[in-house]
Amino acid sequence: MDNSVSCQDVEKIKFLFGFTKNELEKEDARWDSVDKKAIGLTPILGLLLGAAGFFGKWLLDEKMLPPYSALEWIAFVCVISAFISIL
C-alpha cells in the first residue's frame, strides 16, 4: 500500500486549516467584544442590585409588614416578585 498523500489532498488540508483558523479568529474577536461589554456593565448591575436590595428591605421592614389594605398587599407582592426575579 502507498501511504503517500497526493498534492490535491495537501491543498485541501491547507484550505481547511486556513478556513478553520479564520473562523476561530472571528469567534475569538466576538467573545472579546462580549467580554468587554460584560466588564463595562458589571458595576452598573452591582449598583442596581444593591439599590433594589436596600429599598426592598426598607419597604418590607419599615412600611409593609404586616400588610393590611389591598394596596399594601399589591405592593408586597410586587416587592417579593422583584426580589425573586433579581435572584
Protein backbone atom coordinates (compact mmCIF):
# COMPACT_ATOMS: atom_id res chain seq x y z
CA MET A 1 0.00 0.00 0.00
CA ASP A 2 1.11 3.51 -0.77
CA ASN A 3 0.95 5.83 2.24
CA SER A 4 1.83 8.99 0.36
CA VAL A 5 -0.56 11.94 0.29
CA SER A 6 -1.41 13.43 -3.07
CA CYS A 7 -0.81 17.09 -3.84
CA GLN A 8 -4.55 17.64 -4.11
CA ASP A 9 -5.09 16.26 -0.60
CA VAL A 10 -2.40 18.57 0.77
CA GLU A 11 -4.12 21.57 -0.82
CA LYS A 12 -7.45 20.51 0.69
CA ILE A 13 -5.87 20.20 4.12
CA LYS A 14 -4.21 23.62 3.77
CA PHE A 15 -7.51 25.18 2.72
CA LEU A 16 -9.40 23.59 5.61
CA PHE A 17 -6.73 24.62 8.10
CA GLY A 18 -6.80 28.21 6.85
CA PHE A 19 -10.59 28.31 6.90
CA THR A 20 -10.73 26.89 10.43
CA LYS A 21 -8.09 29.31 11.67
CA ASN A 22 -10.01 32.25 10.17
CA GLU A 23 -13.26 31.16 11.80
CA LEU A 24 -11.53 30.69 15.15
CA GLU A 25 -10.10 34.21 14.98
CA LYS A 26 -13.57 35.61 14.22
CA GLU A 27 -15.04 33.72 17.18
CA ASP A 28 -12.28 34.94 19.49
CA ALA A 29 -12.90 38.53 18.38
CA ARG A 30 -16.61 38.14 19.04
CA TRP A 31 -16.00 36.76 22.54
CA ASP A 32 -13.56 39.59 23.26
CA SER A 33 -16.31 42.05 22.36
CA VAL A 34 -18.80 40.29 24.62
CA ASP A 35 -16.29 40.25 27.48
CA LYS A 36 -15.63 43.98 27.15
CA LYS A 37 -19.35 44.73 27.27
CA ALA A 38 -19.84 42.47 30.29
CA ILE A 39 -16.95 44.09 32.15
CA GLY A 40 -18.42 47.53 31.45
CA LEU A 41 -21.89 46.62 32.69
CA THR A 42 -20.93 44.67 35.81
CA PRO A 43 -20.57 47.74 38.10
CA ILE A 44 -23.95 49.05 36.97
CA LEU A 45 -25.55 45.69 37.72
CA GLY A 46 -23.97 45.72 41.18
CA LEU A 47 -25.35 49.18 41.90
CA LEU A 48 -28.82 48.21 40.73
CA LEU A 49 -28.85 45.04 42.80
CA GLY A 50 -27.63 46.94 45.85
CA ALA A 51 -30.26 49.65 45.45
CA ALA A 52 -33.03 47.10 44.89
CA GLY A 53 -31.96 45.17 47.97
CA PHE A 54 -31.75 48.30 50.11
CA PHE A 55 -35.15 49.66 49.12
CA GLY A 56 -36.78 46.23 49.20
CA LYS A 57 -35.55 45.66 52.75
CA TRP A 58 -36.59 49.16 53.76
CA LEU A 59 -40.09 48.68 52.38
CA LEU A 60 -40.53 45.29 53.98
CA ASP A 61 -39.08 46.22 57.38
CA GLU A 62 -40.37 49.76 57.85
CA LYS A 63 -43.52 50.17 55.82
CA MET A 64 -45.23 46.99 54.77
CA LEU A 65 -45.14 44.28 57.40
CA PRO A 66 -47.78 43.20 58.03
CA PRO A 67 -49.81 44.42 55.03
CA TYR A 68 -53.34 45.46 55.94
CA SER A 69 -55.01 47.06 52.92
CA ALA A 70 -55.38 45.78 49.37
CA LEU A 71 -52.88 48.35 48.10
CA GLU A 72 -50.30 47.19 50.65
CA TRP A 73 -50.85 43.58 49.57
CA ILE A 74 -50.31 44.53 45.93
CA ALA A 75 -47.11 46.41 46.83
CA PHE A 76 -45.97 43.49 48.97
CA VAL A 77 -46.47 41.02 46.12
CA CYS A 78 -44.60 43.35 43.74
CA VAL A 79 -41.64 43.65 46.12
CA ILE A 80 -41.46 39.91 46.62
CA SER A 81 -41.73 39.31 42.85
CA ALA A 82 -38.96 41.81 42.17
CA PHE A 83 -36.75 40.18 44.80
CA ILE A 84 -37.28 36.73 43.29
CA SER A 85 -36.59 37.99 39.77
CA ILE A 86 -33.35 39.64 40.97
CA LEU A 87 -32.22 36.34 42.45
